Each structure stands twice: as C-alpha cells, then as structure tokens.
Amino acid sequence: MKKLILASVSALALLGVAACSDSGTGGDGTTTQSTNPPAAEQPMQPAPDATKPAEPAPAEPAAPAQ
C-alpha cells in the first residue's frame, strides 16, 4: 500500500513538472493575426418576399406503364 501511494505522489509530481516547465528558447515563435475581408465584397441581398406563397410546380403527365 505504501508503494502505491508513493507511486501516485511521484506520478502527480512528474505531471506537475511537465505541465509547468518552460522550454526556454524553444518553440516556433509564430503569432496569429486576423484577416481582413476583400475590399470588393458585395453587401448581402435582401431575402425574397416571404409573404407570397410559393407557386406549385406544374403537374407532369404520368409516364405510360411498360
């Protein structure tokens, strides 16, 4: 039982050191930046009139059975 507790404490300490360690000068040194939309972007067009009901599709004659 004593070995299990010691192993658990050691594992937690190792994870703590790994999570908090500083790699110093390592790393890629890249940064992120936002992008700007194109200047020629067209404004959104308003939606078609939603108060008009849609017209039903024209009925097509049924194909003859073969």
C-alpha atoms as a PDB file:
ATOM      1  CA  MET A   1       0.000   0.000   0.000  1.00  0.00           C
ATOM      2  CA  LYS A   2       2.867   2.318   0.825  1.00  0.00           C
ATOM      3  CA  LYS A   3       4.388   1.726  -2.633  1.00  0.00           C
ATOM      4  CA  LEU A   4       1.081   2.585  -4.346  1.00  0.00           C
ATOM      5  CA  ILE A   5       0.813   5.899  -2.503  1.00  0.00           C
ATOM      6  CA  LEU A   6       4.453   6.732  -3.267  1.00  0.00           C
ATOM      7  CA  ALA A   7       3.943   5.910  -6.953  1.00  0.00           C
ATOM      8  CA  SER A   8       0.831   8.093  -7.120  1.00  0.00           C
ATOM      9  CA  VAL A   9       2.574  11.046  -5.484  1.00  0.00           C
ATOM     10  CA  SER A  10       5.558  10.637  -7.777  1.00  0.00           C
ATOM     11  CA  ALA A  11       3.334  10.496 -10.874  1.00  0.00           C
ATOM     12  CA  LEU A  12       1.473  13.649  -9.841  1.00  0.00           C
ATOM     13  CA  ALA A  13       4.744  15.475  -9.175  1.00  0.00           C
ATOM     14  CA  LEU A  14       6.119  14.438 -12.562  1.00  0.00           C
ATOM     15  CA  LEU A  15       2.960  15.603 -14.344  1.00  0.00           C
ATOM     16  CA  GLY A  16       3.105  18.901 -12.452  1.00  0.00           C
ATOM     17  CA  VAL A  17       6.693  19.497 -13.505  1.00  0.00           C
ATOM     18  CA  ALA A  18       5.918  18.583 -17.114  1.00  0.00           C
ATOM     19  CA  ALA A  19       2.899  20.902 -17.239  1.00  0.00           C
ATOM     20  CA  CYS A  20       4.720  23.869 -15.699  1.00  0.00           C
ATOM     21  CA  SER A  21       8.092  23.517 -17.372  1.00  0.00           C
ATOM     22  CA  ASP A  22       9.247  26.318 -19.648  1.00  0.00           C
ATOM     23  CA  SER A  23      11.013  25.217 -22.794  1.00  0.00           C
ATOM     24  CA  GLY A  24      13.148  28.373 -22.819  1.00  0.00           C
ATOM     25  CA  THR A  25      14.161  29.446 -26.309  1.00  0.00           C
ATOM     26  CA  GLY A  26      12.410  26.514 -27.981  1.00  0.00           C
ATOM     27  CA  GLY A  27       9.224  26.851 -29.964  1.00  0.00           C
ATOM     28  CA  ASP A  28       8.500  28.226 -33.369  1.00  0.00           C
ATOM     29  CA  GLY A  29       7.875  31.857 -32.394  1.00  0.00           C
ATOM     30  CA  THR A  30       4.881  32.244 -34.704  1.00  0.00           C
ATOM     31  CA  THR A  31       1.944  34.514 -33.943  1.00  0.00           C
ATOM     32  CA  THR A  32      -1.601  34.658 -35.197  1.00  0.00           C
ATOM     33  CA  GLN A  33      -3.329  37.598 -36.791  1.00  0.00           C
ATOM     34  CA  SER A  34      -6.777  38.236 -38.166  1.00  0.00           C
ATOM     35  CA  THR A  35      -7.502  38.565 -41.855  1.00  0.00           C
ATOM     36  CA  ASN A  36      -9.386  41.414 -43.482  1.00  0.00           C
ATOM     37  CA  PRO A  37     -12.273  40.726 -45.891  1.00  0.00           C
ATOM     38  CA  PRO A  38     -11.730  41.637 -49.549  1.00  0.00           C
ATOM     39  CA  ALA A  39     -12.446  45.279 -50.354  1.00  0.00           C
ATOM     40  CA  ALA A  40     -14.747  44.392 -53.284  1.00  0.00           C
ATOM     41  CA  GLU A  41     -17.104  42.265 -51.154  1.00  0.00           C
ATOM     42  CA  GLN A  42     -20.738  42.804 -52.165  1.00  0.00           C
ATOM     43  CA  PRO A  43     -23.326  43.513 -49.460  1.00  0.00           C
ATOM     44  CA  MET A  44     -25.910  40.836 -48.765  1.00  0.00           C
ATOM     45  CA  GLN A  45     -29.071  40.997 -50.868  1.00  0.00           C
ATOM     46  CA  PRO A  46     -32.404  41.067 -49.030  1.00  0.00           C
ATOM     47  CA  ALA A  47     -34.383  37.859 -48.934  1.00  0.00           C
ATOM     48  CA  PRO A  48     -37.211  37.479 -51.466  1.00  0.00           C
ATOM     49  CA  ASP A  49     -40.681  38.451 -50.254  1.00  0.00           C
ATOM     50  CA  ALA A  50     -41.640  35.730 -47.804  1.00  0.00           C
ATOM     51  CA  THR A  51     -45.273  36.786 -47.595  1.00  0.00           C
ATOM     52  CA  LYS A  52     -46.110  35.411 -51.060  1.00  0.00           C
ATOM     53  CA  PRO A  53     -46.923  31.683 -51.074  1.00  0.00           C
ATOM     54  CA  ALA A  54     -44.783  29.600 -53.377  1.00  0.00           C
ATOM     55  CA  GLU A  55     -46.357  28.595 -56.669  1.00  0.00           C
ATOM     56  CA  PRO A  56     -46.922  24.845 -57.039  1.00  0.00           C
ATOM     57  CA  ALA A  57     -44.867  23.022 -59.646  1.00  0.00           C
ATOM     58  CA  PRO A  58     -46.706  22.256 -62.886  1.00  0.00           C
ATOM     59  CA  ALA A  59     -48.146  18.751 -62.984  1.00  0.00           C
ATOM     60  CA  GLU A  60     -46.390  16.428 -65.404  1.00  0.00           C
ATOM     61  CA  PRO A  61     -48.286  13.658 -67.152  1.00  0.00           C
ATOM     62  CA  ALA A  62     -47.585  10.198 -65.781  1.00  0.00           C
ATOM     63  CA  ALA A  63     -45.295   8.007 -67.881  1.00  0.00           C
ATOM     64  CA  PRO A  64     -47.059   5.113 -69.574  1.00  0.00           C
ATOM     65  CA  ALA A  65     -46.547   1.706 -67.965  1.00  0.00           C
ATOM     66  CA  GLN A  66     -44.346  -0.643 -69.920  1.00  0.00           C
END
